C-alpha atoms as a PDB file:
ATOM      1  CA  UNK A   1     119.905 191.711  54.114  1.00  0.00           C
ATOM      2  CA  UNK A   2     118.577 195.203  54.615  1.00  0.00           C
ATOM      3  CA  UNK A   3     119.404 197.792  51.558  1.00  0.00           C
ATOM      4  CA  UNK A   4     118.961 201.271  52.026  1.00  0.00           C
ATOM      5  CA  UNK A   5     117.111 203.162  48.842  1.00  0.00           C
ATOM      6  CA  UNK A   6     118.434 206.508  47.626  1.00  0.00           C
ATOM      7  CA  UNK A   7     116.248 209.827  47.138  1.00  0.00           C
ATOM      8  CA  UNK A   8     115.531 211.347  43.907  1.00  0.00           C
ATOM      9  CA  UNK A   9     118.244 214.278  45.046  1.00  0.00           C
ATOM     10  CA  UNK A  10     120.753 211.312  45.574  1.00  0.00           C
ATOM     11  CA  UNK A  11     120.988 211.829  49.331  1.00  0.00           C
ATOM     12  CA  UNK A  12     119.816 208.579  51.462  1.00  0.00           C
ATOM     13  CA  UNK A  13     116.793 208.514  52.302  1.00  0.00           C
ATOM     14  CA  UNK A  14     116.019 209.275  56.092  1.00  0.00           C
ATOM     15  CA  UNK A  15     112.816 207.118  55.757  1.00  0.00           C
ATOM     16  CA  UNK A  16     114.789 203.737  54.657  1.00  0.00           C
ATOM     17  CA  UNK A  17     117.585 203.597  57.794  1.00  0.00           C
ATOM     18  CA  UNK A  18     114.447 204.012  60.432  1.00  0.00           C
ATOM     19  CA  UNK A  19     112.520 200.852  58.176  1.00  0.00           C
ATOM     20  CA  UNK A  20     114.452 197.751  59.716  1.00  0.00           C
ATOM     21  CA  UNK A  21     114.141 199.126  63.405  1.00  0.00           C
ATOM     22  CA  UNK A  22     110.749 199.912  62.299  1.00  0.00           C
ATOM     23  CA  UNK A  23     109.869 196.527  61.176  1.00  0.00           C
ATOM     24  CA  UNK A  24     111.577 195.050  64.127  1.00  0.00           C
ATOM     25  CA  UNK A  25     109.627 197.133  65.947  1.00  0.00           C
ATOM     26  CA  UNK A  26     106.210 195.939  64.996  1.00  0.00           C
ATOM     27  CA  UNK A  27     107.416 192.483  64.043  1.00  0.00           C
ATOM     28  CA  UNK A  28     108.126 192.112  67.910  1.00  0.00           C
ATOM     29  CA  UNK A  29     105.039 193.973  68.746  1.00  0.00           C
ATOM     30  CA  UNK A  30     102.951 191.090  66.834  1.00  0.00           C
ATOM     31  CA  UNK A  31     104.953 188.432  68.465  1.00  0.00           C
ATOM     32  CA  UNK A  32     103.796 189.678  72.146  1.00  0.00           C
ATOM     33  CA  UNK A  33     100.192 190.001  71.572  1.00  0.00           C
ATOM     34  CA  UNK A  34     100.829 186.328  69.856  1.00  0.00           C
ATOM     35  CA  UNK A  35     101.968 185.390  72.983  1.00  0.00           C
ATOM     36  CA  UNK A  36      99.863 187.292  75.257  1.00  0.00           C
ATOM     37  CA  UNK A  37      97.253 185.230  73.907  1.00  0.00           C
ATOM     38  CA  UNK A  38      98.633 182.192  74.001  1.00  0.00           C
ATOM     39  CA  UNK A  39      99.180 182.989  77.832  1.00  0.00           C
ATOM     40  CA  UNK A  40      95.980 184.339  77.768  1.00  0.00           C
ATOM     41  CA  UNK A  41      94.591 180.668  76.786  1.00  0.00           C
ATOM     42  CA  UNK A  42      96.552 178.767  78.811  1.00  0.00           C
ATOM     43  CA  UNK A  43      95.577 180.726  81.918  1.00  0.00           C
ATOM     44  CA  UNK A  44      91.870 180.343  80.666  1.00  0.00           C
ATOM     45  CA  UNK A  45      92.455 176.704  80.141  1.00  0.00           C
ATOM     46  CA  UNK A  46      93.805 176.701  83.537  1.00  0.00           C
ATOM     47  CA  UNK A  47      91.136 177.801  85.270  1.00  0.00           C
ATOM     48  CA  UNK A  48      88.406 175.582  83.305  1.00  0.00           C
ATOM     49  CA  UNK A  49      90.528 172.709  84.808  1.00  0.00           C
ATOM     50  CA  UNK A  50      90.333 174.137  88.283  1.00  0.00           C
ATOM     51  CA  UNK A  51      86.259 175.205  87.523  1.00  0.00           C
ATOM     52  CA  UNK A  52      83.403 173.275  87.828  1.00  0.00           C
ATOM     53  CA  UNK A  53      79.887 173.544  86.580  1.00  0.00           C
ATOM     54  CA  UNK A  54      76.713 172.382  88.642  1.00  0.00           C
ATOM     55  CA  UNK A  55      73.880 170.900  87.466  1.00  0.00           C
ATOM     56  CA  UNK A  56      70.506 170.623  88.957  1.00  0.00           C
ATOM     57  CA  UNK A  57      68.453 167.834  88.201  1.00  0.00           C
ATOM     58  CA  UNK A  58      64.790 168.799  89.905  1.00  0.00           C
ATOM     59  CA  UNK A  59      62.570 166.223  89.790  1.00  0.00           C
ATOM     60  CA  UNK A  60      58.910 165.306  91.655  1.00  0.00           C
ATOM     61  CA  UNK A  61      59.949 164.509  94.971  1.00  0.00           C
ATOM     62  CA  UNK A  62      64.014 164.798  95.139  1.00  0.00           C
ATOM     63  CA  UNK A  63      66.511 166.793  93.841  1.00  0.00           C
ATOM     64  CA  UNK A  64      69.743 166.008  92.453  1.00  0.00           C
ATOM     65  CA  UNK A  65      73.039 168.307  92.109  1.00  0.00           C
ATOM     66  CA  UNK A  66      76.224 167.212  90.274  1.00  0.00           C
ATOM     67  CA  UNK A  67      79.445 169.031  90.105  1.00  0.00           C
ATOM     68  CA  UNK A  68      81.294 168.967  86.519  1.00  0.00           C
ATOM     69  CA  UNK A  69      84.637 168.952  86.475  1.00  0.00           C
ATOM     70  CA  UNK A  70      86.914 168.766  83.093  1.00  0.00           C
ATOM     71  CA  UNK A  71      83.124 167.164  81.915  1.00  0.00           C
ATOM     72  CA  UNK A  72      83.416 164.543  84.194  1.00  0.00           C
ATOM     73  CA  UNK A  73      80.874 164.268  87.287  1.00  0.00           C
ATOM     74  CA  UNK A  74      83.472 164.261  90.221  1.00  0.00           C
ATOM     75  CA  UNK A  75      80.911 164.228  92.918  1.00  0.00           C
ATOM     76  CA  UNK A  76      77.072 164.511  93.315  1.00  0.00           C
ATOM     77  CA  UNK A  77      74.534 164.894  96.164  1.00  0.00           C
ATOM     78  CA  UNK A  78      70.780 163.716  96.266  1.00  0.00           C
ATOM     79  CA  UNK A  79      68.376 165.787  98.738  1.00  0.00           C
ATOM     80  CA  UNK A  80      64.632 166.322  99.205  1.00  0.00           C
ATOM     81  CA  UNK A  81      62.938 169.330  98.138  1.00  0.00           C
ATOM     82  CA  UNK A  82      62.313 170.385 102.000  1.00  0.00           C
ATOM     83  CA  UNK A  83      66.201 170.346 102.521  1.00  0.00           C
ATOM     84  CA  UNK A  84      67.309 172.019  99.068  1.00  0.00           C
ATOM     85  CA  UNK A  85      68.047 175.325 100.434  1.00  0.00           C
ATOM     86  CA  UNK A  86      70.105 174.274 102.978  1.00  0.00           C
ATOM     87  CA  UNK A  87      71.769 172.203 100.528  1.00  0.00           C
ATOM     88  CA  UNK A  88      73.027 175.263  98.612  1.00  0.00           C
ATOM     89  CA  UNK A  89      74.054 177.544 101.481  1.00  0.00           C
ATOM     90  CA  UNK A  90      76.463 174.922 102.649  1.00  0.00           C
ATOM     91  CA  UNK A  91      78.369 173.853  99.183  1.00  0.00           C
ATOM     92  CA  UNK A  92      81.823 175.125  99.495  1.00  0.00           C
ATOM     93  CA  UNK A  93      84.249 176.493  97.095  1.00  0.00           C
ATOM     94  CA  UNK A  94      81.744 178.529  95.679  1.00  0.00           C
ATOM     95  CA  UNK A  95      83.905 180.450  93.589  1.00  0.00           C
ATOM     96  CA  UNK A  96      85.090 177.663  91.664  1.00  0.00           C
ATOM     97  CA  UNK A  97      81.557 177.273  90.130  1.00  0.00           C
ATOM     98  CA  UNK A  98      81.734 179.071  86.952  1.00  0.00           C
ATOM     99  CA  UNK A  99      78.363 178.069  85.401  1.00  0.00           C
ATOM    100  CA  UNK A 100      74.827 176.339  86.274  1.00  0.00           C
ATOM    101  CA  UNK A 101      72.189 175.141  85.035  1.00  0.00           C
ATOM    102  CA  UNK A 102      68.968 173.175  85.885  1.00  0.00           C
ATOM    103  CA  UNK A 103      66.200 171.266  85.091  1.00  0.00           C
ATOM    104  CA  UNK A 104      62.367 170.843  86.948  1.00  0.00           C
ATOM    105  CA  UNK A 105      59.555 169.084  86.296  1.00  0.00           C
ATOM    106  CA  UNK A 106      58.212 170.463  89.631  1.00  0.00           C
ATOM    107  CA  UNK A 107      59.299 173.805  91.531  1.00  0.00           C
ATOM    108  CA  UNK A 108      61.032 176.538  89.507  1.00  0.00           C
ATOM    109  CA  UNK A 109      64.023 177.612  92.061  1.00  0.00           C
ATOM    110  CA  UNK A 110      65.701 180.415  89.702  1.00  0.00           C
ATOM    111  CA  UNK A 111      65.627 182.845  92.570  1.00  0.00           C
ATOM    112  CA  UNK A 112      66.923 180.446  94.757  1.00  0.00           C
ATOM    113  CA  UNK A 113      69.736 179.648  92.897  1.00  0.00           C
ATOM    114  CA  UNK A 114      70.688 182.808  92.303  1.00  0.00           C
ATOM    115  CA  UNK A 115      70.657 184.209  95.290  1.00  0.00           C
ATOM    116  CA  UNK A 116      73.085 181.831  96.189  1.00  0.00           C
ATOM    117  CA  UNK A 117      75.552 181.895  93.301  1.00  0.00           C
ATOM    118  CA  UNK A 118      75.516 185.439  92.222  1.00  0.00           C
ATOM    119  CA  UNK A 119      78.778 185.398  90.655  1.00  0.00           C
ATOM    120  CA  UNK A 120      78.247 182.309  88.533  1.00  0.00           C
ATOM    121  CA  UNK A 121      76.711 182.407  85.127  1.00  0.00           C
ATOM    122  CA  UNK A 122      73.538 180.592  85.321  1.00  0.00           C
ATOM    123  CA  UNK A 123      71.498 178.868  82.144  1.00  0.00           C
ATOM    124  CA  UNK A 124      68.131 178.604  82.233  1.00  0.00           C
ATOM    125  CA  UNK A 125      65.935 176.466  79.864  1.00  0.00           C
ATOM    126  CA  UNK A 126      63.700 178.416  79.708  1.00  0.00           C
ATOM    127  CA  UNK A 127      65.622 181.451  78.319  1.00  0.00           C
ATOM    128  CA  UNK A 128      63.885 181.750  74.558  1.00  0.00           C
ATOM    129  CA  UNK A 129      68.039 182.786  73.843  1.00  0.00           C
ATOM    130  CA  UNK A 130      70.016 179.680  74.528  1.00  0.00           C
ATOM    131  CA  UNK A 131      70.840 177.725  71.912  1.00  0.00           C
ATOM    132  CA  UNK A 132      70.156 173.889  72.197  1.00  0.00           C
ATOM    133  CA  UNK A 133      72.497 171.571  70.287  1.00  0.00           C
ATOM    134  CA  UNK A 134      70.292 170.301  68.281  1.00  0.00           C
ATOM    135  CA  UNK A 135      66.725 171.447  66.088  1.00  0.00           C
ATOM    136  CA  UNK A 136      63.476 171.637  68.133  1.00  0.00           C
ATOM    137  CA  UNK A 137      60.800 171.111  65.386  1.00  0.00           C
ATOM    138  CA  UNK A 138      58.445 170.571  68.652  1.00  0.00           C
ATOM    139  CA  UNK A 139      55.411 172.674  68.093  1.00  0.00           C
ATOM    140  CA  UNK A 140      54.544 173.591  71.825  1.00  0.00           C
ATOM    141  CA  UNK A 141      57.522 174.769  72.505  1.00  0.00           C
ATOM    142  CA  UNK A 142      56.347 176.739  76.132  1.00  0.00           C
ATOM    143  CA  UNK A 143      55.239 172.981  76.959  1.00  0.00           C
ATOM    144  CA  UNK A 144      57.998 170.913  76.363  1.00  0.00           C
ATOM    145  CA  UNK A 145      59.971 169.550  79.310  1.00  0.00           C
ATOM    146  CA  UNK A 146      62.812 170.656  80.712  1.00  0.00           C
ATOM    147  CA  UNK A 147      63.651 167.427  81.510  1.00  0.00           C
ATOM    148  CA  UNK A 148      62.695 166.304  77.978  1.00  0.00           C
ATOM    149  CA  UNK A 149      65.210 168.960  76.728  1.00  0.00           C
ATOM    150  CA  UNK A 150      67.854 167.228  78.480  1.00  0.00           C
ATOM    151  CA  UNK A 151      67.667 163.951  77.889  1.00  0.00           C
ATOM    152  CA  UNK A 152      67.706 164.559  73.731  1.00  0.00           C
ATOM    153  CA  UNK A 153      70.551 166.933  74.122  1.00  0.00           C
ATOM    154  CA  UNK A 154      72.185 164.277  76.331  1.00  0.00           C
ATOM    155  CA  UNK A 155      71.823 161.832  73.221  1.00  0.00           C
ATOM    156  CA  UNK A 156      72.879 164.127  70.735  1.00  0.00           C
ATOM    157  CA  UNK A 157      75.942 163.765  72.887  1.00  0.00           C
ATOM    158  CA  UNK A 158      76.317 160.816  73.834  1.00  0.00           C
ATOM    159  CA  UNK A 159      75.176 159.304  70.355  1.00  0.00           C
ATOM    160  CA  UNK A 160      75.642 161.477  67.896  1.00  0.00           C
ATOM    161  CA  UNK A 161      74.296 161.704  64.336  1.00  0.00           C
ATOM    162  CA  UNK A 162      71.928 158.407  64.713  1.00  0.00           C
ATOM    163  CA  UNK A 163      68.606 157.851  65.408  1.00  0.00           C
ATOM    164  CA  UNK A 164      67.452 157.944  68.733  1.00  0.00           C
ATOM    165  CA  UNK A 165      64.371 156.841  71.107  1.00  0.00           C
ATOM    166  CA  UNK A 166      65.206 158.239  74.511  1.00  0.00           C
ATOM    167  CA  UNK A 167      62.742 156.338  77.063  1.00  0.00           C
ATOM    168  CA  UNK A 168      62.398 157.964  80.888  1.00  0.00           C
ATOM    169  CA  UNK A 169      60.805 155.811  83.123  1.00  0.00           C
ATOM    170  CA  UNK A 170      59.564 158.190  86.296  1.00  0.00           C
ATOM    171  CA  UNK A 171      56.814 159.718  87.008  1.00  0.00           C
ATOM    172  CA  UNK A 172      55.243 160.111  83.455  1.00  0.00           C
ATOM    173  CA  UNK A 173      56.632 157.186  81.136  1.00  0.00           C
ATOM    174  CA  UNK A 174      58.593 159.739  78.030  1.00  0.00           C
ATOM    175  CA  UNK A 175      59.354 158.492  74.435  1.00  0.00           C
ATOM    176  CA  UNK A 176      61.296 161.231  72.615  1.00  0.00           C
ATOM    177  CA  UNK A 177      63.042 161.104  69.146  1.00  0.00           C
ATOM    178  CA  UNK A 178      65.802 162.855  67.777  1.00  0.00           C
ATOM    179  CA  UNK A 179      66.846 161.294  64.083  1.00  0.00           C
ATOM    180  CA  UNK A 180      70.246 161.069  62.610  1.00  0.00           C
ATOM    181  CA  UNK A 181      70.002 165.026  61.302  1.00  0.00           C
ATOM    182  CA  UNK A 182      69.890 166.681  64.666  1.00  0.00           C
ATOM    183  CA  UNK A 183      66.020 166.967  64.282  1.00  0.00           C
ATOM    184  CA  UNK A 184      63.919 166.336  67.166  1.00  0.00           C
ATOM    185  CA  UNK A 185      60.296 165.985  66.803  1.00  0.00           C
ATOM    186  CA  UNK A 186      58.262 164.946  70.005  1.00  0.00           C
ATOM    187  CA  UNK A 187      57.552 161.980  71.586  1.00  0.00           C
ATOM    188  CA  UNK A 188      54.545 160.395  73.528  1.00  0.00           C
ATOM    189  CA  UNK A 189      53.887 160.318  77.532  1.00  0.00           C
ATOM    190  CA  UNK A 190      52.053 157.947  79.464  1.00  0.00           C
ATOM    191  CA  UNK A 191      51.799 156.998  83.425  1.00  0.00           C
ATOM    192  CA  UNK A 192      54.297 155.910  85.006  1.00  0.00           C
ATOM    193  CA  UNK A 193      54.282 152.849  87.261  1.00  0.00           C
ATOM    194  CA  UNK A 194      52.875 154.797  90.678  1.00  0.00           C
ATOM    195  CA  UNK A 195      50.377 156.414  88.359  1.00  0.00           C
ATOM    196  CA  UNK A 196      48.826 153.603  87.300  1.00  0.00           C
ATOM    197  CA  UNK A 197      48.897 151.720  90.502  1.00  0.00           C
ATOM    198  CA  UNK A 198      47.255 155.158  92.060  1.00  0.00           C
ATOM    199  CA  UNK A 199      44.854 155.222  89.312  1.00  0.00           C
ATOM    200  CA  UNK A 200      43.184 152.053  90.259  1.00  0.00           C
ATOM    201  CA  UNK A 201      42.769 152.979  93.523  1.00  0.00           C
ATOM    202  CA  UNK A 202      41.443 156.298  93.353  1.00  0.00           C
ATOM    203  CA  UNK A 203      39.184 155.547  90.191  1.00  0.00           C
ATOM    204  CA  UNK A 204      37.555 152.506  91.386  1.00  0.00           C
ATOM    205  CA  UNK A 205      35.723 151.750  94.586  1.00  0.00           C
ATOM    206  CA  UNK A 206      37.503 148.611  95.711  1.00  0.00           C
ATOM    207  CA  UNK A 207      40.798 148.062  94.196  1.00  0.00           C
ATOM    208  CA  UNK A 208      43.545 148.597  97.121  1.00  0.00           C
ATOM    209  CA  UNK A 209      46.528 150.910  96.317  1.00  0.00           C
ATOM    210  CA  UNK A 210      49.549 148.613  96.086  1.00  0.00           C
ATOM    211  CA  UNK A 211      53.652 149.264  95.740  1.00  0.00           C
ATOM    212  CA  UNK A 212      55.376 148.297  92.956  1.00  0.00           C
ATOM    213  CA  UNK A 213      56.243 144.607  92.722  1.00  0.00           C
ATOM    214  CA  UNK A 214      57.887 142.790  89.752  1.00  0.00           C
ATOM    215  CA  UNK A 215      56.405 139.931  88.692  1.00  0.00           C
ATOM    216  CA  UNK A 216      56.922 137.119  86.590  1.00  0.00           C
ATOM    217  CA  UNK A 217      53.266 135.874  85.664  1.00  0.00           C
ATOM    218  CA  UNK A 218      50.931 137.050  82.797  1.00  0.00           C
ATOM    219  CA  UNK A 219      48.146 135.371  84.643  1.00  0.00           C
ATOM    220  CA  UNK A 220      47.272 136.318  88.280  1.00  0.00           C
ATOM    221  CA  UNK A 221      45.680 134.235  90.268  1.00  0.00           C
ATOM    222  CA  UNK A 222      44.161 136.883  93.002  1.00  0.00           C
ATOM    223  CA  UNK A 223      43.355 140.872  92.718  1.00  0.00           C
ATOM    224  CA  UNK A 224      46.796 141.562  93.849  1.00  0.00           C
ATOM    225  CA  UNK A 225      48.865 139.741  91.654  1.00  0.00           C
ATOM    226  CA  UNK A 226      46.427 140.823  88.769  1.00  0.00           C
ATOM    227  CA  UNK A 227      46.714 144.619  89.151  1.00  0.00           C
ATOM    228  CA  UNK A 228      50.801 143.588  89.340  1.00  0.00           C
ATOM    229  CA  UNK A 229      50.728 141.753  86.302  1.00  0.00           C
ATOM    230  CA  UNK A 230      48.249 144.137  84.084  1.00  0.00           C
ATOM    231  CA  UNK A 231      50.891 147.566  85.191  1.00  0.00           C
ATOM    232  CA  UNK A 232      53.878 145.852  84.962  1.00  0.00           C
ATOM    233  CA  UNK A 233      53.154 143.660  81.697  1.00  0.00           C
ATOM    234  CA  UNK A 234      51.414 146.711  80.499  1.00  0.00           C
ATOM    235  CA  UNK A 235      54.522 149.189  80.944  1.00  0.00           C
ATOM    236  CA  UNK A 236      56.496 146.709  78.552  1.00  0.00           C
ATOM    237  CA  UNK A 237      54.102 145.628  76.281  1.00  0.00           C
ATOM    238  CA  UNK A 238      53.218 149.482  75.933  1.00  0.00           C
ATOM    239  CA  UNK A 239      57.045 150.490  75.782  1.00  0.00           C
ATOM    240  CA  UNK A 240      57.802 147.542  72.618  1.00  0.00           C
ATOM    241  CA  UNK A 241      55.340 148.139  70.455  1.00  0.00           C
ATOM    242  CA  UNK A 242      56.533 151.940  70.177  1.00  0.00           C
ATOM    243  CA  UNK A 243      59.792 150.852  69.771  1.00  0.00           C
ATOM    244  CA  UNK A 244      58.743 148.182  66.865  1.00  0.00           C
ATOM    245  CA  UNK A 245      56.760 150.849  65.356  1.00  0.00           C
ATOM    246  CA  UNK A 246      59.456 153.131  65.188  1.00  0.00           C
ATOM    247  CA  UNK A 247      61.940 150.806  63.823  1.00  0.00           C
ATOM    248  CA  UNK A 248      59.036 150.374  60.709  1.00  0.00           C
ATOM    249  CA  UNK A 249      60.681 153.486  59.683  1.00  0.00           C
ATOM    250  CA  UNK A 250      64.035 153.830  61.601  1.00  0.00           C
ATOM    251  CA  UNK A 251      65.869 150.258  61.015  1.00  0.00           C
ATOM    252  CA  UNK A 252      69.368 151.727  62.457  1.00  0.00           C
ATOM    253  CA  UNK A 253      67.654 153.059  65.834  1.00  0.00           C
ATOM    254  CA  UNK A 254      69.306 153.179  69.358  1.00  0.00           C
ATOM    255  CA  UNK A 255      66.704 152.888  71.996  1.00  0.00           C
ATOM    256  CA  UNK A 256      68.428 154.463  75.215  1.00  0.00           C
ATOM    257  CA  UNK A 257      66.004 153.773  78.464  1.00  0.00           C
ATOM    258  CA  UNK A 258      66.822 155.660  81.780  1.00  0.00           C
ATOM    259  CA  UNK A 259      64.670 157.309  85.010  1.00  0.00           C
ATOM    260  CA  UNK A 260      64.003 155.769  88.291  1.00  0.00           C
ATOM    261  CA  UNK A 261      61.992 152.574  87.298  1.00  0.00           C
ATOM    262  CA  UNK A 262      64.289 151.508  84.416  1.00  0.00           C
ATOM    263  CA  UNK A 263      66.240 149.032  86.008  1.00  0.00           C
ATOM    264  CA  UNK A 264      63.101 147.016  86.709  1.00  0.00           C
ATOM    265  CA  UNK A 265      63.129 146.320  82.884  1.00  0.00           C
ATOM    266  CA  UNK A 266      66.424 145.022  81.811  1.00  0.00           C
ATOM    267  CA  UNK A 267      65.879 141.882  79.911  1.00  0.00           C
ATOM    268  CA  UNK A 268      62.632 142.467  79.505  1.00  0.00           C
ATOM    269  CA  UNK A 269      63.331 145.009  76.265  1.00  0.00           C
ATOM    270  CA  UNK A 270      65.063 144.142  73.042  1.00  0.00           C
ATOM    271  CA  UNK A 271      68.054 145.714  71.934  1.00  0.00           C
ATOM    272  CA  UNK A 272      67.902 148.493  74.951  1.00  0.00           C
ATOM    273  CA  UNK A 273      70.793 150.430  75.809  1.00  0.00           C
ATOM    274  CA  UNK A 274      70.205 150.669  79.838  1.00  0.00           C
ATOM    275  CA  UNK A 275      71.326 154.358  80.411  1.00  0.00           C
ATOM    276  CA  UNK A 276      73.326 155.601  84.185  1.00  0.00           C
ATOM    277  CA  UNK A 277      71.600 157.664  86.812  1.00  0.00           C
ATOM    278  CA  UNK A 278      73.380 161.042  85.508  1.00  0.00           C
ATOM    279  CA  UNK A 279      72.258 160.413  81.507  1.00  0.00           C
ATOM    280  CA  UNK A 280      70.141 163.671  82.211  1.00  0.00           C
ATOM    281  CA  UNK A 281      72.853 165.208  84.225  1.00  0.00           C
ATOM    282  CA  UNK A 282      75.534 164.771  81.312  1.00  0.00           C
ATOM    283  CA  UNK A 283      72.812 166.299  78.796  1.00  0.00           C
ATOM    284  CA  UNK A 284      72.290 169.582  80.738  1.00  0.00           C
ATOM    285  CA  UNK A 285      76.543 169.849  81.037  1.00  0.00           C
ATOM    286  CA  UNK A 286      76.349 169.407  77.519  1.00  0.00           C
ATOM    287  CA  UNK A 287      74.170 172.401  77.057  1.00  0.00           C
ATOM    288  CA  UNK A 288      76.488 174.558  79.010  1.00  0.00           C
ATOM    289  CA  UNK A 289      79.669 173.558  77.194  1.00  0.00           C
ATOM    290  CA  UNK A 290      77.397 173.770  73.672  1.00  0.00           C
ATOM    291  CA  UNK A 291      76.640 177.692  74.428  1.00  0.00           C
ATOM    292  CA  UNK A 292      80.347 178.691  75.677  1.00  0.00           C
ATOM    293  CA  UNK A 293      81.522 177.357  72.275  1.00  0.00           C
ATOM    294  CA  UNK A 294      78.945 178.931  70.260  1.00  0.00           C
END
């Protein structure tokens, strides 16, 4: 109930009559602002549900394109390097792609990507202002591979507040460690399976160049089986030794194995998590979300 305050002259103050109307107006204005903010938020959420993130994983031989909608992969495409530009130009509904991020271990396609998606936000891992979802204690930041950044980001997203060792078995075998305090230290890099085969051929006179073969025996009874045994069992021994040494300091340790050759290590690496083929892409998408939410 509103009361009108008497003025010092005994007359009713005009402002006291206006006070209820003024307060009602201010309250109505505030409610409209709140409503507008709520409507705007709903609109943004609607746009976000309709929009997509494009994540591009540029490898040495192939390029993978993942389309994320509501943080889930709606579809993906794999192409060769000489097909990449054409693939970009034929992507439908480009206006729905709001954010783009890419990682590359080979060719830099940043200019090509920006040319094809002028209206999208392009998150570049080479940008020093880009925020990462972990504390990066690597000493040579400029030389840290973009694929390794993406893999660590994926581990942080899927297994937070944990000691994680990510092993990527591809052209090279990379080991990356991040502790339960979200601090990334680095890891190790060694030759991948195909590199080991080619090195034996290129740096010797008589050893043949072989393609990978999964072999059960440890002792090769001929030259080819000896090479297969040395490469395959050597990789398994290297990985298991790396894990065992980390277990000394970190009893609670997640071992995450990914990469093109990881499927050949099933049942050969103890207590390991074998990640899906989209593990790196999930890490890149997480970087987009992390930068949007800070």
